[in-house]
N, C-alpha and C. Protein backbone atom coordinates (compact mmCIF):
# COMPACT_ATOMS: atom_id res chain seq x y z
N MET A 1 0.83 -1.24 -0.02
CA MET A 1 -0.05 -0.04 0.00
C MET A 1 0.92 1.27 -0.04
N LEU A 2 0.48 2.29 -0.74
CA LEU A 2 1.21 3.49 -0.84
C LEU A 2 0.92 4.33 0.44
N LYS A 3 1.95 4.89 0.90
CA LYS A 3 1.80 5.73 2.15
C LYS A 3 1.97 7.27 1.75
N ARG A 4 0.92 8.06 2.05
CA ARG A 4 0.98 9.47 1.58
C ARG A 4 1.40 10.47 2.76
N PHE A 5 2.10 11.53 2.38
CA PHE A 5 2.60 12.40 3.39
C PHE A 5 2.38 13.83 3.08
N ASN A 6 1.74 14.53 3.96
CA ASN A 6 1.68 15.99 3.99
C ASN A 6 2.13 16.71 5.37
N PRO A 7 3.38 16.70 5.47
CA PRO A 7 3.83 17.16 6.83
C PRO A 7 3.29 18.56 7.24
N LYS A 8 3.07 18.52 8.58
CA LYS A 8 2.43 19.73 9.21
C LYS A 8 3.46 20.97 9.19
N LYS A 9 4.76 20.73 9.08
CA LYS A 9 5.83 21.58 9.08
C LYS A 9 6.04 22.41 7.82
N ILE A 10 5.24 22.15 6.80
CA ILE A 10 5.27 22.94 5.58
C ILE A 10 3.95 23.14 5.12
N ALA A 11 3.83 24.22 4.28
CA ALA A 11 2.45 24.66 3.83
C ALA A 11 1.76 23.45 3.19
N PRO A 12 0.45 23.51 3.29
CA PRO A 12 -0.33 22.35 2.69
C PRO A 12 -0.25 22.36 1.25
N PRO A 13 -0.58 21.32 0.45
CA PRO A 13 -0.62 21.40 -0.99
C PRO A 13 -1.59 22.40 -1.42
N ASN A 14 -1.38 22.93 -2.67
CA ASN A 14 -2.10 24.11 -3.14
C ASN A 14 -3.59 23.63 -3.56
N SER A 15 -3.66 22.33 -3.62
CA SER A 15 -5.03 21.68 -4.10
C SER A 15 -5.21 20.37 -3.28
N PRO A 16 -6.37 19.93 -3.11
CA PRO A 16 -6.58 18.62 -2.46
C PRO A 16 -6.20 17.44 -3.44
N SER A 17 -5.99 17.80 -4.70
CA SER A 17 -5.74 16.64 -5.61
C SER A 17 -4.23 16.22 -5.69
N TYR A 18 -3.44 16.54 -4.72
CA TYR A 18 -2.10 16.03 -4.64
C TYR A 18 -1.58 16.05 -3.18
N HIS A 19 -0.57 15.16 -3.01
CA HIS A 19 0.16 15.04 -1.85
C HIS A 19 1.62 15.57 -1.96
N HIS A 20 2.37 15.90 -0.91
CA HIS A 20 3.70 16.30 -0.93
C HIS A 20 4.67 15.12 -1.16
N GLY A 21 4.27 13.97 -0.69
CA GLY A 21 5.18 12.81 -0.78
C GLY A 21 4.41 11.48 -0.70
N ILE A 22 4.94 10.57 -1.46
CA ILE A 22 4.27 9.12 -1.34
C ILE A 22 5.40 8.20 -1.19
N GLU A 23 5.30 7.24 -0.26
CA GLU A 23 6.26 6.20 -0.14
C GLU A 23 5.71 4.88 -0.65
N VAL A 24 6.53 4.24 -1.50
CA VAL A 24 6.25 3.00 -2.19
C VAL A 24 6.91 1.89 -1.38
N PRO A 25 6.23 0.77 -1.03
CA PRO A 25 6.73 -0.35 -0.25
C PRO A 25 7.77 -1.04 -1.02
N PRO A 26 8.70 -1.77 -0.40
CA PRO A 26 9.67 -2.64 -1.14
C PRO A 26 8.93 -3.60 -2.00
N ASN A 27 9.60 -4.07 -3.09
CA ASN A 27 9.10 -5.09 -4.02
C ASN A 27 7.89 -4.72 -4.83
N ALA A 28 7.62 -3.47 -4.86
CA ALA A 28 6.53 -2.98 -5.69
C ALA A 28 6.88 -3.04 -7.17
N ARG A 29 5.87 -3.30 -8.12
CA ARG A 29 6.09 -3.17 -9.51
C ARG A 29 5.97 -1.62 -9.82
N TRP A 30 6.83 -1.24 -10.67
CA TRP A 30 6.89 0.19 -11.11
C TRP A 30 6.51 0.27 -12.69
N LEU A 31 5.76 1.38 -12.94
CA LEU A 31 5.27 1.65 -14.40
C LEU A 31 5.52 3.14 -14.61
N SER A 32 6.25 3.35 -15.66
CA SER A 32 6.43 4.68 -16.12
C SER A 32 5.60 4.86 -17.43
N VAL A 33 4.68 6.01 -17.29
CA VAL A 33 3.87 6.20 -18.35
C VAL A 33 4.32 7.47 -19.16
N ALA A 34 4.68 7.23 -20.41
CA ALA A 34 5.31 8.31 -21.18
C ALA A 34 4.27 9.46 -21.28
N GLY A 35 4.72 10.66 -21.68
CA GLY A 35 3.89 11.85 -21.66
C GLY A 35 2.78 11.63 -22.79
N GLN A 36 1.67 11.68 -22.27
CA GLN A 36 0.49 11.57 -23.05
C GLN A 36 -0.22 12.92 -23.60
N VAL A 37 -0.57 13.01 -24.82
CA VAL A 37 -1.10 14.31 -25.28
C VAL A 37 -2.58 13.99 -25.64
N GLY A 38 -3.33 15.04 -26.17
CA GLY A 38 -4.71 14.95 -26.34
C GLY A 38 -5.25 14.20 -27.48
N LYS A 39 -4.46 13.35 -28.09
CA LYS A 39 -4.96 12.59 -29.21
C LYS A 39 -6.02 11.63 -28.80
N GLY A 40 -7.14 11.47 -29.43
CA GLY A 40 -8.09 10.44 -29.10
C GLY A 40 -7.64 9.19 -29.84
N PRO A 41 -8.42 8.09 -29.63
CA PRO A 41 -8.10 6.80 -30.16
C PRO A 41 -8.20 6.85 -31.78
N ASP A 42 -8.75 7.82 -32.24
CA ASP A 42 -8.82 7.98 -33.80
C ASP A 42 -7.57 8.86 -34.18
N GLY A 43 -6.81 9.17 -33.37
CA GLY A 43 -5.60 9.96 -33.78
C GLY A 43 -5.86 11.52 -33.96
N LYS A 44 -7.01 11.85 -33.72
CA LYS A 44 -7.44 13.35 -33.96
C LYS A 44 -7.19 14.00 -32.59
N VAL A 45 -6.78 15.34 -32.68
CA VAL A 45 -6.65 16.24 -31.49
C VAL A 45 -7.82 17.19 -31.55
N PRO A 46 -8.62 17.08 -30.49
CA PRO A 46 -9.81 18.08 -30.33
C PRO A 46 -9.29 19.40 -30.21
N PRO A 47 -10.02 20.50 -30.60
CA PRO A 47 -9.61 21.92 -30.41
C PRO A 47 -9.66 22.37 -28.94
N SER A 48 -10.53 21.94 -28.21
CA SER A 48 -10.73 22.44 -26.77
C SER A 48 -9.80 21.87 -25.72
N PHE A 49 -9.28 22.63 -24.80
CA PHE A 49 -8.56 22.13 -23.85
C PHE A 49 -9.08 21.06 -23.03
N GLU A 50 -10.39 21.17 -22.57
CA GLU A 50 -10.97 20.15 -21.82
C GLU A 50 -10.93 18.90 -22.56
N ALA A 51 -11.40 18.78 -23.62
CA ALA A 51 -11.35 17.54 -24.51
C ALA A 51 -9.99 16.93 -24.61
N GLN A 52 -9.08 17.72 -24.90
CA GLN A 52 -7.71 17.28 -24.91
C GLN A 52 -7.22 16.57 -23.66
N CYS A 53 -7.56 17.28 -22.52
CA CYS A 53 -7.27 16.77 -21.23
C CYS A 53 -7.92 15.51 -20.79
N GLU A 54 -9.31 15.41 -21.28
CA GLU A 54 -9.94 14.12 -21.06
C GLU A 54 -9.20 12.98 -21.78
N ASN A 55 -8.86 13.31 -23.01
CA ASN A 55 -8.18 12.24 -23.73
C ASN A 55 -6.83 11.85 -23.11
N VAL A 56 -6.06 12.78 -22.57
CA VAL A 56 -4.87 12.54 -21.88
C VAL A 56 -5.06 11.59 -20.71
N TRP A 57 -6.03 11.95 -19.91
CA TRP A 57 -6.29 11.05 -18.76
C TRP A 57 -6.85 9.62 -19.22
N ASP A 58 -7.73 9.62 -20.32
CA ASP A 58 -8.14 8.35 -20.75
C ASP A 58 -7.00 7.57 -21.19
N ASN A 59 -5.98 8.13 -21.85
CA ASN A 59 -4.82 7.37 -22.35
C ASN A 59 -4.07 6.86 -21.22
N ILE A 60 -3.92 7.77 -20.17
CA ILE A 60 -2.93 7.29 -19.06
C ILE A 60 -3.69 6.15 -18.25
N LEU A 61 -4.98 6.23 -18.08
CA LEU A 61 -5.76 5.17 -17.56
C LEU A 61 -5.76 3.93 -18.35
N ALA A 62 -5.79 3.96 -19.65
CA ALA A 62 -5.62 2.72 -20.53
C ALA A 62 -4.33 2.11 -20.37
N VAL A 63 -3.29 2.90 -20.28
CA VAL A 63 -1.98 2.23 -20.10
C VAL A 63 -1.81 1.54 -18.73
N LEU A 64 -2.29 2.22 -17.67
CA LEU A 64 -2.46 1.60 -16.29
C LEU A 64 -3.15 0.33 -16.33
N ALA A 65 -4.37 0.31 -17.00
CA ALA A 65 -5.23 -0.90 -17.05
C ALA A 65 -4.51 -1.98 -17.79
N GLU A 66 -3.74 -1.64 -18.84
CA GLU A 66 -3.07 -2.67 -19.62
C GLU A 66 -2.03 -3.34 -18.72
N ALA A 67 -1.54 -2.58 -17.80
CA ALA A 67 -0.46 -3.12 -16.82
C ALA A 67 -1.10 -3.67 -15.56
N GLY A 68 -2.40 -3.92 -15.52
CA GLY A 68 -3.01 -4.40 -14.31
C GLY A 68 -3.15 -3.41 -13.17
N MET A 69 -2.99 -2.14 -13.54
CA MET A 69 -3.10 -1.20 -12.53
C MET A 69 -4.19 -0.17 -12.65
N GLY A 70 -4.48 0.77 -11.68
CA GLY A 70 -5.42 1.67 -11.83
C GLY A 70 -5.01 2.95 -11.16
N PRO A 71 -5.95 4.01 -11.14
CA PRO A 71 -5.58 5.33 -10.77
C PRO A 71 -4.96 5.36 -9.32
N GLN A 72 -5.50 4.37 -8.46
CA GLN A 72 -4.92 4.29 -7.06
C GLN A 72 -3.51 3.97 -6.97
N ASP A 73 -2.85 3.50 -8.13
CA ASP A 73 -1.49 3.11 -8.12
C ASP A 73 -0.57 4.24 -8.66
N ILE A 74 -1.20 5.32 -8.93
CA ILE A 74 -0.37 6.52 -9.43
C ILE A 74 0.37 7.14 -8.24
N VAL A 75 1.69 7.23 -8.43
CA VAL A 75 2.50 7.87 -7.48
C VAL A 75 2.90 9.32 -7.83
N LYS A 76 3.08 9.63 -9.02
CA LYS A 76 3.59 10.99 -9.47
C LYS A 76 3.10 11.28 -10.81
N VAL A 77 2.57 12.45 -10.95
CA VAL A 77 2.29 13.02 -12.32
C VAL A 77 3.00 14.37 -12.52
N THR A 78 3.32 14.58 -13.77
CA THR A 78 3.88 15.84 -14.22
C THR A 78 3.01 16.30 -15.32
N THR A 79 2.40 17.56 -15.08
CA THR A 79 1.53 18.07 -16.25
C THR A 79 2.23 19.28 -16.87
N PHE A 80 2.17 19.34 -18.12
CA PHE A 80 2.74 20.42 -18.83
C PHE A 80 1.51 21.08 -19.58
N LEU A 81 1.34 22.48 -19.40
CA LEU A 81 0.29 23.19 -19.93
C LEU A 81 0.98 24.28 -20.76
N THR A 82 0.30 24.63 -21.90
CA THR A 82 0.80 25.71 -22.68
C THR A 82 0.20 26.99 -22.42
N ARG A 83 -0.86 26.95 -21.49
CA ARG A 83 -1.52 28.19 -21.22
C ARG A 83 -1.96 28.19 -19.75
N LYS A 84 -1.46 29.25 -19.02
CA LYS A 84 -1.73 29.34 -17.57
C LYS A 84 -3.20 29.32 -17.27
N GLU A 85 -4.05 29.83 -18.09
CA GLU A 85 -5.42 29.88 -17.87
C GLU A 85 -6.10 28.56 -17.77
N ASP A 86 -5.50 27.57 -18.25
CA ASP A 86 -5.93 26.13 -18.24
C ASP A 86 -5.67 25.41 -16.88
N ILE A 87 -4.95 26.11 -16.08
CA ILE A 87 -4.75 25.33 -14.69
C ILE A 87 -6.00 24.86 -13.96
N ALA A 88 -6.96 25.66 -13.90
CA ALA A 88 -8.22 25.24 -13.06
C ALA A 88 -8.88 24.22 -13.81
N ALA A 89 -8.99 24.34 -15.12
CA ALA A 89 -9.66 23.19 -15.95
C ALA A 89 -8.81 21.87 -15.92
N SER A 90 -7.54 21.99 -15.91
CA SER A 90 -6.70 20.82 -15.75
C SER A 90 -7.12 20.04 -14.39
N ARG A 91 -7.07 20.74 -13.35
CA ARG A 91 -7.47 20.12 -12.01
C ARG A 91 -8.86 19.59 -11.95
N THR A 92 -9.80 20.21 -12.63
CA THR A 92 -11.16 19.78 -12.78
C THR A 92 -11.18 18.43 -13.46
N VAL A 93 -10.52 18.25 -14.57
CA VAL A 93 -10.48 17.11 -15.31
C VAL A 93 -9.83 16.02 -14.54
N ARG A 94 -8.72 16.31 -13.97
CA ARG A 94 -8.02 15.35 -13.13
C ARG A 94 -8.84 14.75 -12.04
N ASP A 95 -9.44 15.69 -11.36
CA ASP A 95 -10.29 15.31 -10.18
C ASP A 95 -11.50 14.36 -10.74
N LYS A 96 -12.02 14.69 -11.81
CA LYS A 96 -13.13 13.87 -12.49
C LYS A 96 -12.57 12.47 -12.82
N LYS A 97 -11.34 12.35 -13.31
CA LYS A 97 -10.91 11.09 -13.86
C LYS A 97 -10.23 10.27 -12.71
N LEU A 98 -9.64 10.94 -11.55
CA LEU A 98 -8.94 10.20 -10.60
C LEU A 98 -9.91 10.06 -9.30
N GLY A 99 -11.02 10.80 -9.25
CA GLY A 99 -11.74 10.82 -8.02
C GLY A 99 -10.92 11.44 -6.96
N ASN A 100 -10.94 10.69 -5.70
CA ASN A 100 -10.22 11.33 -4.53
C ASN A 100 -8.73 10.74 -4.48
N ILE A 101 -8.23 10.16 -5.58
CA ILE A 101 -6.86 9.72 -5.58
C ILE A 101 -5.96 10.98 -5.75
N ALA A 102 -5.01 11.08 -4.91
CA ALA A 102 -4.23 12.32 -4.99
C ALA A 102 -2.64 11.85 -4.97
N PRO A 103 -2.10 11.87 -6.26
CA PRO A 103 -0.73 11.41 -6.26
C PRO A 103 0.26 12.74 -6.00
N THR A 104 1.54 12.61 -5.98
CA THR A 104 2.39 13.81 -5.90
C THR A 104 2.34 14.31 -7.29
N SER A 105 2.52 15.68 -7.43
CA SER A 105 2.24 16.33 -8.69
C SER A 105 3.27 17.62 -8.90
N THR A 106 3.59 17.71 -10.14
CA THR A 106 4.29 18.96 -10.58
C THR A 106 3.49 19.53 -11.82
N LEU A 107 3.22 20.76 -11.82
CA LEU A 107 2.60 21.32 -12.93
C LEU A 107 3.50 22.49 -13.46
N LEU A 108 3.68 22.36 -14.75
CA LEU A 108 4.53 23.50 -15.44
C LEU A 108 3.75 24.07 -16.61
N VAL A 109 3.91 25.40 -16.67
CA VAL A 109 3.37 26.10 -17.96
C VAL A 109 4.49 26.41 -18.76
N ILE A 110 4.51 25.91 -19.98
CA ILE A 110 5.62 25.88 -20.82
C ILE A 110 5.30 26.75 -22.13
N ALA A 111 6.25 27.02 -22.86
CA ALA A 111 6.10 27.77 -24.21
C ALA A 111 5.44 26.86 -25.26
N GLY A 112 5.61 25.66 -25.31
CA GLY A 112 4.99 24.75 -26.38
C GLY A 112 5.34 23.34 -26.16
N LEU A 113 4.57 22.58 -26.88
CA LEU A 113 4.76 21.06 -26.86
C LEU A 113 5.32 20.60 -28.24
N ALA A 114 5.26 19.28 -28.60
CA ALA A 114 5.86 18.77 -29.74
C ALA A 114 5.18 19.37 -31.13
N ALA A 115 3.88 19.63 -30.89
CA ALA A 115 3.04 20.02 -31.98
C ALA A 115 2.22 21.20 -31.48
N PRO A 116 2.05 22.21 -32.32
CA PRO A 116 1.27 23.35 -31.88
C PRO A 116 -0.10 23.25 -31.35
N GLU A 117 -0.88 22.13 -31.89
CA GLU A 117 -2.14 21.90 -31.52
C GLU A 117 -2.27 21.34 -30.09
N PHE A 118 -1.24 20.73 -29.52
CA PHE A 118 -1.24 20.17 -28.23
C PHE A 118 -1.23 21.20 -27.25
N LEU A 119 -2.24 21.28 -26.29
CA LEU A 119 -2.34 22.24 -25.25
C LEU A 119 -1.95 21.66 -23.83
N VAL A 120 -1.89 20.26 -23.75
CA VAL A 120 -1.55 19.63 -22.44
C VAL A 120 -0.76 18.36 -22.74
N GLU A 121 0.14 18.08 -21.86
CA GLU A 121 0.79 16.61 -21.90
C GLU A 121 1.00 16.31 -20.47
N ILE A 122 0.77 15.07 -20.14
CA ILE A 122 0.85 14.62 -18.76
C ILE A 122 1.69 13.24 -18.73
N GLU A 123 2.61 13.14 -17.89
CA GLU A 123 3.43 11.87 -17.75
C GLU A 123 3.08 11.36 -16.29
N ALA A 124 3.33 10.04 -16.15
CA ALA A 124 2.83 9.54 -14.79
C ALA A 124 3.76 8.45 -14.45
N THR A 125 4.00 8.21 -13.13
CA THR A 125 4.62 7.04 -12.68
C THR A 125 3.65 6.29 -11.62
N ALA A 126 3.54 4.95 -11.76
CA ALA A 126 2.81 4.25 -10.83
C ALA A 126 3.47 3.05 -10.25
N ALA A 127 2.95 2.57 -9.18
CA ALA A 127 3.65 1.51 -8.48
C ALA A 127 2.55 0.55 -7.80
N LYS A 128 2.76 -0.65 -7.89
CA LYS A 128 1.78 -1.70 -7.23
C LYS A 128 2.38 -2.74 -6.52
N VAL A 129 1.96 -3.04 -5.44
CA VAL A 129 2.50 -4.15 -4.57
C VAL A 129 2.09 -5.52 -5.06
């Protein structure tokens, strides 16, 4: 079982959808999920941020499922956004897809991704005992 940490000696997380630290027990299986972009199963990229973000999380959850894992096994996510104004929507979609699962998290607003139509990319690390 993953053990989550939010020490009282530091400021609480900026959002309830992440923890400051997660400990993985010995002998756990690890899975690294490459950065996923907003392409749907048909290979098309929708124009809206929310639709791209939904596709990203669906892709991540599909990789986890293929490995016999689920959202509860996510230890760390790194989110790359191309627009600061999408931060709130990103959290909303993440909360919708993960429920009350709160991995460790880093969010960066960057100048661009591999293709100009991509508005979001998220990579994840998971571990399962």
